[in-house]
C-alpha atoms as a PDB file:
ATOM      1  CA  UNK A   1     -15.258   1.817  18.272  1.00  0.00           C
ATOM      2  CA  UNK A   2     -18.916   1.917  17.245  1.00  0.00           C
ATOM      3  CA  UNK A   3     -17.856   2.267  13.602  1.00  0.00           C
ATOM      4  CA  UNK A   4     -15.969  -1.024  13.839  1.00  0.00           C
ATOM      5  CA  UNK A   5     -18.860  -3.030  15.296  1.00  0.00           C
ATOM      6  CA  UNK A   6     -20.607  -3.757  11.951  1.00  0.00           C
ATOM      7  CA  UNK A   7     -17.341  -4.941  10.381  1.00  0.00           C
ATOM      8  CA  UNK A   8     -16.464  -7.065  13.426  1.00  0.00           C
ATOM      9  CA  UNK A   9     -19.953  -8.528  13.496  1.00  0.00           C
ATOM     10  CA  UNK A  10     -19.776  -9.462   9.811  1.00  0.00           C
ATOM     11  CA  UNK A  11     -16.305 -10.980  10.296  1.00  0.00           C
ATOM     12  CA  UNK A  12     -17.562 -13.132  13.187  1.00  0.00           C
ATOM     13  CA  UNK A  13     -20.586 -14.198  11.149  1.00  0.00           C
ATOM     14  CA  UNK A  14     -18.409 -15.299   8.221  1.00  0.00           C
ATOM     15  CA  UNK A  15     -16.014 -17.087  10.594  1.00  0.00           C
ATOM     16  CA  UNK A  16     -18.786 -19.055  12.296  1.00  0.00           C
ATOM     17  CA  UNK A  17     -20.478 -19.853   8.979  1.00  0.00           C
ATOM     18  CA  UNK A  18     -17.205 -21.064   7.457  1.00  0.00           C
ATOM     19  CA  UNK A  19     -16.483 -23.227  10.511  1.00  0.00           C
ATOM     20  CA  UNK A  20     -19.908 -24.874  10.220  1.00  0.00           C
ATOM     21  CA  UNK A  21     -19.640 -25.424   6.458  1.00  0.00           C
ATOM     22  CA  UNK A  22     -16.211 -27.059   6.739  1.00  0.00           C
ATOM     23  CA  UNK A  23     -17.065 -29.230   9.739  1.00  0.00           C
ATOM     24  CA  UNK A  24     -20.241 -30.497   8.055  1.00  0.00           C
ATOM     25  CA  UNK A  25     -18.207 -31.351   4.915  1.00  0.00           C
ATOM     26  CA  UNK A  26     -20.197 -28.981   2.742  1.00  0.00           C
ATOM     27  CA  UNK A  27     -16.852 -27.352   1.885  1.00  0.00           C
ATOM     28  CA  UNK A  28     -13.790 -29.582   1.635  1.00  0.00           C
ATOM     29  CA  UNK A  29     -11.117 -28.636   4.165  1.00  0.00           C
ATOM     30  CA  UNK A  30      -8.474 -29.375   1.539  1.00  0.00           C
ATOM     31  CA  UNK A  31      -9.789 -26.347  -0.386  1.00  0.00           C
ATOM     32  CA  UNK A  32     -10.726 -23.938   2.399  1.00  0.00           C
ATOM     33  CA  UNK A  33      -9.493 -24.644   5.937  1.00  0.00           C
ATOM     34  CA  UNK A  34     -11.708 -24.090   8.922  1.00  0.00           C
ATOM     35  CA  UNK A  35     -10.969 -21.034  11.087  1.00  0.00           C
ATOM     36  CA  UNK A  36     -10.050 -23.449  13.874  1.00  0.00           C
ATOM     37  CA  UNK A  37      -7.390 -25.091  11.676  1.00  0.00           C
ATOM     38  CA  UNK A  38      -5.974 -21.697  10.679  1.00  0.00           C
ATOM     39  CA  UNK A  39      -5.695 -20.633  14.328  1.00  0.00           C
ATOM     40  CA  UNK A  40      -3.962 -23.900  15.225  1.00  0.00           C
ATOM     41  CA  UNK A  41      -1.485 -23.407  12.376  1.00  0.00           C
ATOM     42  CA  UNK A  42      -0.778 -19.841  13.468  1.00  0.00           C
ATOM     43  CA  UNK A  43      -0.008 -21.101  16.974  1.00  0.00           C
ATOM     44  CA  UNK A  44       2.100 -24.072  15.838  1.00  0.00           C
ATOM     45  CA  UNK A  45       4.178 -21.987  13.411  1.00  0.00           C
ATOM     46  CA  UNK A  46       4.147 -18.832  15.503  1.00  0.00           C
ATOM     47  CA  UNK A  47       7.924 -18.303  15.368  1.00  0.00           C
ATOM     48  CA  UNK A  48       8.034 -18.680  11.578  1.00  0.00           C
ATOM     49  CA  UNK A  49       5.028 -16.429  11.100  1.00  0.00           C
ATOM     50  CA  UNK A  50       6.408 -13.700  13.366  1.00  0.00           C
ATOM     51  CA  UNK A  51       9.806 -13.713  11.648  1.00  0.00           C
ATOM     52  CA  UNK A  52       8.245 -13.673   8.184  1.00  0.00           C
ATOM     53  CA  UNK A  53       5.699 -11.011   9.123  1.00  0.00           C
ATOM     54  CA  UNK A  54       8.369  -8.662  10.467  1.00  0.00           C
ATOM     55  CA  UNK A  55      10.557  -9.221   7.417  1.00  0.00           C
ATOM     56  CA  UNK A  56       7.727  -8.523   4.971  1.00  0.00           C
ATOM     57  CA  UNK A  57       6.490  -5.553   7.000  1.00  0.00           C
ATOM     58  CA  UNK A  58       9.944  -3.985   7.119  1.00  0.00           C
ATOM     59  CA  UNK A  59      10.538  -4.324   3.382  1.00  0.00           C
ATOM     60  CA  UNK A  60       7.019  -3.121   2.584  1.00  0.00           C
ATOM     61  CA  UNK A  61       7.464  -0.019   4.717  1.00  0.00           C
ATOM     62  CA  UNK A  62      10.823   0.761   3.141  1.00  0.00           C
ATOM     63  CA  UNK A  63       9.403   0.422  -0.361  1.00  0.00           C
ATOM     64  CA  UNK A  64       6.346   2.476   0.575  1.00  0.00           C
ATOM     65  CA  UNK A  65       8.385   5.256   2.198  1.00  0.00           C
ATOM     66  CA  UNK A  66      10.639   5.422  -0.872  1.00  0.00           C
ATOM     67  CA  UNK A  67       7.592   5.686  -3.127  1.00  0.00           C
ATOM     68  CA  UNK A  68       6.185   8.495  -0.945  1.00  0.00           C
ATOM     69  CA  UNK A  69       9.416  10.505  -1.007  1.00  0.00           C
ATOM     70  CA  UNK A  70      10.265  10.011  -4.671  1.00  0.00           C
ATOM     71  CA  UNK A  71       6.648  10.056  -5.896  1.00  0.00           C
ATOM     72  CA  UNK A  72       5.856  13.305  -4.098  1.00  0.00           C
ATOM     73  CA  UNK A  73       9.085  14.917  -5.342  1.00  0.00           C
ATOM     74  CA  UNK A  74       8.315  13.879  -8.918  1.00  0.00           C
ATOM     75  CA  UNK A  75       4.740  15.163  -8.698  1.00  0.00           C
ATOM     76  CA  UNK A  76       5.974  18.519  -7.411  1.00  0.00           C
ATOM     77  CA  UNK A  77       8.550  18.637 -10.180  1.00  0.00           C
ATOM     78  CA  UNK A  78       5.880  17.877 -12.785  1.00  0.00           C
ATOM     79  CA  UNK A  79       3.655  20.636 -11.434  1.00  0.00           C
ATOM     80  CA  UNK A  80       6.503  23.151 -11.689  1.00  0.00           C
ATOM     81  CA  UNK A  81       7.796  22.074 -15.110  1.00  0.00           C
ATOM     82  CA  UNK A  82       5.601  20.929 -17.981  1.00  0.00           C
ATOM     83  CA  UNK A  83       8.735  19.823 -19.865  1.00  0.00           C
ATOM     84  CA  UNK A  84       9.720  17.510 -17.008  1.00  0.00           C
ATOM     85  CA  UNK A  85       6.171  16.186 -16.891  1.00  0.00           C
ATOM     86  CA  UNK A  86       6.106  15.357 -20.604  1.00  0.00           C
ATOM     87  CA  UNK A  87       9.549  13.742 -20.413  1.00  0.00           C
ATOM     88  CA  UNK A  88       9.131  11.451 -17.378  1.00  0.00           C
ATOM     89  CA  UNK A  89       5.413  10.878 -16.698  1.00  0.00           C
ATOM     90  CA  UNK A  90       4.921   8.493 -19.672  1.00  0.00           C
ATOM     91  CA  UNK A  91       7.568   6.188 -18.199  1.00  0.00           C
ATOM     92  CA  UNK A  92       5.763   6.185 -14.839  1.00  0.00           C
ATOM     93  CA  UNK A  93       2.577   5.190 -16.653  1.00  0.00           C
ATOM     94  CA  UNK A  94       4.508   2.464 -18.490  1.00  0.00           C
ATOM     95  CA  UNK A  95       5.751   0.901 -15.254  1.00  0.00           C
ATOM     96  CA  UNK A  96       2.208   0.972 -13.884  1.00  0.00           C
ATOM     97  CA  UNK A  97       0.857  -0.978 -16.863  1.00  0.00           C
ATOM     98  CA  UNK A  98       3.519  -3.721 -16.747  1.00  0.00           C
ATOM     99  CA  UNK A  99       2.571  -6.556 -14.316  1.00  0.00           C
ATOM    100  CA  UNK A 100       4.995  -6.642 -11.418  1.00  0.00           C
ATOM    101  CA  UNK A 101       5.193 -10.427 -11.566  1.00  0.00           C
ATOM    102  CA  UNK A 102       6.753 -10.028 -15.043  1.00  0.00           C
ATOM    103  CA  UNK A 103       9.265  -7.444 -13.811  1.00  0.00           C
ATOM    104  CA  UNK A 104      10.216  -9.240 -10.575  1.00  0.00           C
ATOM    105  CA  UNK A 105      12.595 -11.756 -12.228  1.00  0.00           C
ATOM    106  CA  UNK A 106      14.522  -8.844 -13.723  1.00  0.00           C
ATOM    107  CA  UNK A 107      14.770  -7.255 -10.279  1.00  0.00           C
ATOM    108  CA  UNK A 108      16.422 -10.433  -8.988  1.00  0.00           C
ATOM    109  CA  UNK A 109      19.010 -10.138 -11.758  1.00  0.00           C
ATOM    110  CA  UNK A 110      19.640  -6.466 -10.944  1.00  0.00           C
ATOM    111  CA  UNK A 111      19.461  -6.534  -7.123  1.00  0.00           C
ATOM    112  CA  UNK A 112      19.944 -10.191  -6.215  1.00  0.00           C
ATOM    113  CA  UNK A 113      17.869 -12.336  -3.878  1.00  0.00           C
ATOM    114  CA  UNK A 114      16.519 -10.942  -0.631  1.00  0.00           C
ATOM    115  CA  UNK A 115      15.396  -7.570   0.672  1.00  0.00           C
ATOM    116  CA  UNK A 116      16.646  -5.233  -2.120  1.00  0.00           C
ATOM    117  CA  UNK A 117      14.457  -6.930  -4.738  1.00  0.00           C
ATOM    118  CA  UNK A 118      11.433  -6.976  -2.415  1.00  0.00           C
ATOM    119  CA  UNK A 119      11.840  -3.275  -1.590  1.00  0.00           C
ATOM    120  CA  UNK A 120      12.252  -2.394  -5.275  1.00  0.00           C
ATOM    121  CA  UNK A 121       9.149  -4.416  -6.183  1.00  0.00           C
ATOM    122  CA  UNK A 122       7.097  -2.707  -3.467  1.00  0.00           C
ATOM    123  CA  UNK A 123       8.388   0.677  -4.599  1.00  0.00           C
ATOM    124  CA  UNK A 124       7.559   0.162  -8.289  1.00  0.00           C
ATOM    125  CA  UNK A 125       3.988  -0.934  -7.588  1.00  0.00           C
ATOM    126  CA  UNK A 126       3.152   1.775  -5.054  1.00  0.00           C
ATOM    127  CA  UNK A 127       4.729   4.895  -6.575  1.00  0.00           C
ATOM    128  CA  UNK A 128       2.278   5.625  -9.403  1.00  0.00           C
ATOM    129  CA  UNK A 129      -0.833   6.354  -7.257  1.00  0.00           C
ATOM    130  CA  UNK A 130       1.229   8.855  -5.276  1.00  0.00           C
ATOM    131  CA  UNK A 131       2.474  10.594  -8.412  1.00  0.00           C
ATOM    132  CA  UNK A 132      -0.945  10.622 -10.071  1.00  0.00           C
ATOM    133  CA  UNK A 133      -2.979  11.750  -7.054  1.00  0.00           C
ATOM    134  CA  UNK A 134      -0.489  14.340  -5.844  1.00  0.00           C
ATOM    135  CA  UNK A 135      -0.139  15.813  -9.337  1.00  0.00           C
ATOM    136  CA  UNK A 136      -3.917  15.902  -9.783  1.00  0.00           C
ATOM    137  CA  UNK A 137      -4.247  17.738  -6.477  1.00  0.00           C
ATOM    138  CA  UNK A 138      -1.520  20.231  -7.284  1.00  0.00           C
ATOM    139  CA  UNK A 139      -3.158  20.995 -10.628  1.00  0.00           C
ATOM    140  CA  UNK A 140      -6.660  21.309  -9.158  1.00  0.00           C
ATOM    141  CA  UNK A 141      -6.067  24.724  -7.571  1.00  0.00           C
ATOM    142  CA  UNK A 142      -8.689  27.278  -8.557  1.00  0.00           C
ATOM    143  CA  UNK A 143      -7.432  29.812 -11.079  1.00  0.00           C
ATOM    144  CA  UNK A 144      -8.761  32.788  -9.086  1.00  0.00           C
ATOM    145  CA  UNK A 145      -6.644  31.757  -6.091  1.00  0.00           C
ATOM    146  CA  UNK A 146      -3.575  31.465  -8.296  1.00  0.00           C
ATOM    147  CA  UNK A 147      -4.279  34.928  -9.686  1.00  0.00           C
ATOM    148  CA  UNK A 148      -4.591  36.290  -6.151  1.00  0.00           C
ATOM    149  CA  UNK A 149      -1.174  34.911  -5.167  1.00  0.00           C
ATOM    150  CA  UNK A 150       0.382  36.303  -8.320  1.00  0.00           C
ATOM    151  CA  UNK A 151      -1.113  39.725  -7.640  1.00  0.00           C
ATOM    152  CA  UNK A 152       0.752  39.699  -4.334  1.00  0.00           C
ATOM    153  CA  UNK A 153       3.899  38.627  -6.221  1.00  0.00           C
ATOM    154  CA  UNK A 154       4.273  35.242  -4.570  1.00  0.00           C
ATOM    155  CA  UNK A 155       7.039  33.169  -6.117  1.00  0.00           C
ATOM    156  CA  UNK A 156       6.621  29.573  -7.339  1.00  0.00           C
ATOM    157  CA  UNK A 157       7.728  27.997  -4.054  1.00  0.00           C
ATOM    158  CA  UNK A 158       5.415  30.204  -1.986  1.00  0.00           C
ATOM    159  CA  UNK A 159       2.500  29.259  -4.236  1.00  0.00           C
ATOM    160  CA  UNK A 160       3.461  25.605  -3.901  1.00  0.00           C
ATOM    161  CA  UNK A 161       3.862  25.604  -0.116  1.00  0.00           C
ATOM    162  CA  UNK A 162       1.031  27.926   0.881  1.00  0.00           C
ATOM    163  CA  UNK A 163      -1.555  27.191  -1.800  1.00  0.00           C
ATOM    164  CA  UNK A 164      -1.010  24.096  -3.910  1.00  0.00           C
ATOM    165  CA  UNK A 165       0.015  21.604  -1.212  1.00  0.00           C
ATOM    166  CA  UNK A 166      -2.875  22.490   1.137  1.00  0.00           C
ATOM    167  CA  UNK A 167      -5.260  22.274  -1.825  1.00  0.00           C
ATOM    168  CA  UNK A 168      -3.826  18.883  -2.784  1.00  0.00           C
ATOM    169  CA  UNK A 169      -4.018  17.416   0.720  1.00  0.00           C
ATOM    170  CA  UNK A 170      -7.123  15.271   0.178  1.00  0.00           C
ATOM    171  CA  UNK A 171      -5.678  13.951  -3.094  1.00  0.00           C
ATOM    172  CA  UNK A 172      -2.368  13.116  -1.418  1.00  0.00           C
ATOM    173  CA  UNK A 173      -4.177  11.320   1.397  1.00  0.00           C
ATOM    174  CA  UNK A 174      -6.156   9.234  -1.103  1.00  0.00           C
ATOM    175  CA  UNK A 175      -2.982   8.366  -2.992  1.00  0.00           C
ATOM    176  CA  UNK A 176      -1.282   7.233   0.202  1.00  0.00           C
ATOM    177  CA  UNK A 177      -4.179   4.920   1.086  1.00  0.00           C
ATOM    178  CA  UNK A 178      -4.140   3.332  -2.358  1.00  0.00           C
ATOM    179  CA  UNK A 179      -0.358   2.932  -2.409  1.00  0.00           C
ATOM    180  CA  UNK A 180      -0.323   1.380   1.078  1.00  0.00           C
ATOM    181  CA  UNK A 181      -2.216  -1.676  -0.142  1.00  0.00           C
ATOM    182  CA  UNK A 182      -0.278  -1.838  -3.391  1.00  0.00           C
ATOM    183  CA  UNK A 183       3.051  -1.771  -1.546  1.00  0.00           C
ATOM    184  CA  UNK A 184       2.099  -5.033   0.196  1.00  0.00           C
ATOM    185  CA  UNK A 185       1.141  -6.607  -3.132  1.00  0.00           C
ATOM    186  CA  UNK A 186       4.468  -5.534  -4.616  1.00  0.00           C
ATOM    187  CA  UNK A 187       6.422  -6.890  -1.653  1.00  0.00           C
ATOM    188  CA  UNK A 188       4.724 -10.289  -1.852  1.00  0.00           C
ATOM    189  CA  UNK A 189       5.338 -10.467  -5.611  1.00  0.00           C
ATOM    190  CA  UNK A 190       8.996  -9.703  -4.929  1.00  0.00           C
ATOM    191  CA  UNK A 191       9.190 -12.389  -2.240  1.00  0.00           C
ATOM    192  CA  UNK A 192       7.766 -14.996  -4.616  1.00  0.00           C
ATOM    193  CA  UNK A 193      10.904 -14.713  -6.749  1.00  0.00           C
ATOM    194  CA  UNK A 194      13.490 -13.318  -4.303  1.00  0.00           C
ATOM    195  CA  UNK A 195      12.552 -15.370  -1.232  1.00  0.00           C
ATOM    196  CA  UNK A 196      11.937 -14.424   2.374  1.00  0.00           C
ATOM    197  CA  UNK A 197       8.956 -13.190   4.319  1.00  0.00           C
ATOM    198  CA  UNK A 198       5.344 -14.264   4.080  1.00  0.00           C
ATOM    199  CA  UNK A 199       5.602 -14.545   0.299  1.00  0.00           C
ATOM    200  CA  UNK A 200       8.151 -17.351   0.642  1.00  0.00           C
ATOM    201  CA  UNK A 201       5.916 -19.074   3.209  1.00  0.00           C
ATOM    202  CA  UNK A 202       2.966 -18.918   0.816  1.00  0.00           C
ATOM    203  CA  UNK A 203       5.066 -20.245  -2.071  1.00  0.00           C
ATOM    204  CA  UNK A 204       6.414 -23.082   0.084  1.00  0.00           C
ATOM    205  CA  UNK A 205       2.925 -23.937   1.355  1.00  0.00           C
ATOM    206  CA  UNK A 206       1.702 -24.090  -2.249  1.00  0.00           C
ATOM    207  CA  UNK A 207       4.148 -26.873  -3.066  1.00  0.00           C
ATOM    208  CA  UNK A 208       3.025 -28.725   0.084  1.00  0.00           C
ATOM    209  CA  UNK A 209      -0.670 -28.033  -0.603  1.00  0.00           C
ATOM    210  CA  UNK A 210      -0.989 -26.603   2.914  1.00  0.00           C
ATOM    211  CA  UNK A 211      -3.909 -24.239   2.467  1.00  0.00           C
ATOM    212  CA  UNK A 212      -4.014 -23.618   6.228  1.00  0.00           C
ATOM    213  CA  UNK A 213      -0.530 -22.045   6.088  1.00  0.00           C
ATOM    214  CA  UNK A 214      -1.573 -19.924   3.114  1.00  0.00           C
ATOM    215  CA  UNK A 215      -4.703 -18.661   4.874  1.00  0.00           C
ATOM    216  CA  UNK A 216      -2.686 -17.889   8.006  1.00  0.00           C
ATOM    217  CA  UNK A 217      -0.279 -15.807   5.920  1.00  0.00           C
ATOM    218  CA  UNK A 218      -3.188 -14.058   4.198  1.00  0.00           C
ATOM    219  CA  UNK A 219      -4.660 -13.188   7.581  1.00  0.00           C
ATOM    220  CA  UNK A 220      -1.356 -11.630   8.645  1.00  0.00           C
ATOM    221  CA  UNK A 221      -1.090  -9.708   5.372  1.00  0.00           C
ATOM    222  CA  UNK A 222      -4.581  -8.314   5.944  1.00  0.00           C
ATOM    223  CA  UNK A 223      -3.502  -7.302   9.450  1.00  0.00           C
ATOM    224  CA  UNK A 224      -0.464  -5.575   7.957  1.00  0.00           C
ATOM    225  CA  UNK A 225      -2.659  -3.601   5.593  1.00  0.00           C
ATOM    226  CA  UNK A 226      -5.013  -2.624   8.402  1.00  0.00           C
ATOM    227  CA  UNK A 227      -2.075  -1.393  10.485  1.00  0.00           C
ATOM    228  CA  UNK A 228      -0.831   0.800   7.653  1.00  0.00           C
ATOM    229  CA  UNK A 229      -4.264   2.206   6.848  1.00  0.00           C
ATOM    230  CA  UNK A 230      -4.936   2.689  10.560  1.00  0.00           C
ATOM    231  CA  UNK A 231      -1.708   4.677  10.957  1.00  0.00           C
ATOM    232  CA  UNK A 232      -2.686   6.844   7.981  1.00  0.00           C
ATOM    233  CA  UNK A 233      -6.188   7.410   9.367  1.00  0.00           C
ATOM    234  CA  UNK A 234      -4.805   8.371  12.783  1.00  0.00           C
ATOM    235  CA  UNK A 235      -2.339  10.799  11.181  1.00  0.00           C
ATOM    236  CA  UNK A 236      -5.144  12.266   9.078  1.00  0.00           C
ATOM    237  CA  UNK A 237      -7.305  12.877  12.151  1.00  0.00           C
ATOM    238  CA  UNK A 238      -4.422  14.486  14.029  1.00  0.00           C
ATOM    239  CA  UNK A 239      -3.789  16.818  11.101  1.00  0.00           C
ATOM    240  CA  UNK A 240      -7.457  17.765  10.905  1.00  0.00           C
ATOM    241  CA  UNK A 241      -7.546  18.340  14.658  1.00  0.00           C
ATOM    242  CA  UNK A 242      -4.501  20.616  14.686  1.00  0.00           C
ATOM    243  CA  UNK A 243      -5.119  22.197  11.278  1.00  0.00           C
ATOM    244  CA  UNK A 244      -8.867  21.985  10.585  1.00  0.00           C
ATOM    245  CA  UNK A 245      -8.474  24.228   7.524  1.00  0.00           C
ATOM    246  CA  UNK A 246      -5.817  21.935   6.029  1.00  0.00           C
ATOM    247  CA  UNK A 247      -8.254  19.631   4.238  1.00  0.00           C
ATOM    248  CA  UNK A 248      -7.870  20.559   0.605  1.00  0.00           C
ATOM    249  CA  UNK A 249     -11.178  22.436   0.464  1.00  0.00           C
ATOM    250  CA  UNK A 250      -9.898  25.943  -0.277  1.00  0.00           C
END
């Protein structure tokens, strides 16, 4: 809790300062709403916000989980086969360099409006950090440790499970944290074109010039990200508590 106090204190300071600046007309409320106005909007549209939040959260989690499963499997495959790595990895890099907002309309054509497009958008954006970080971790094993396992005639799967994955743990954890935030970005980009969730609320508020609705949605999206990162951090601490040697520092 003590670690959170500086962040909470800074957040309260910014909130109070923003409230004062808006109420004294130093900042126009049509550009940046006061915290009081955002809270009132959250209360007035509580049902819409809750429904949209749950919809976006569900699709984000599904896209993120898919990226974890498929990204980790691909990274393991790349570490075991250089041919597979040379054949597929360039395409993963290609998808990372193409803006998701340019790909999203195609996803609507392929998957239709609604959840499938949002999940696919979240998946595409969040998979590359998992592939890249996991692969980097798997390939960072010290050569003397690999030689030791080979001396004892360990097969490829034993080396992977007992040496490479523990050594790659810190890299995998970093990749998961990066992809968690990106999965939300991908989901919102998908909702801009496919509809539904907080993305649709933001797009609708844009046409109405309701900046208070937009800021309320942004606050909920930040909360979503904090929940995902918090769950990862808690899992990380539990792993370190039960397996203190399982940190990647071999």
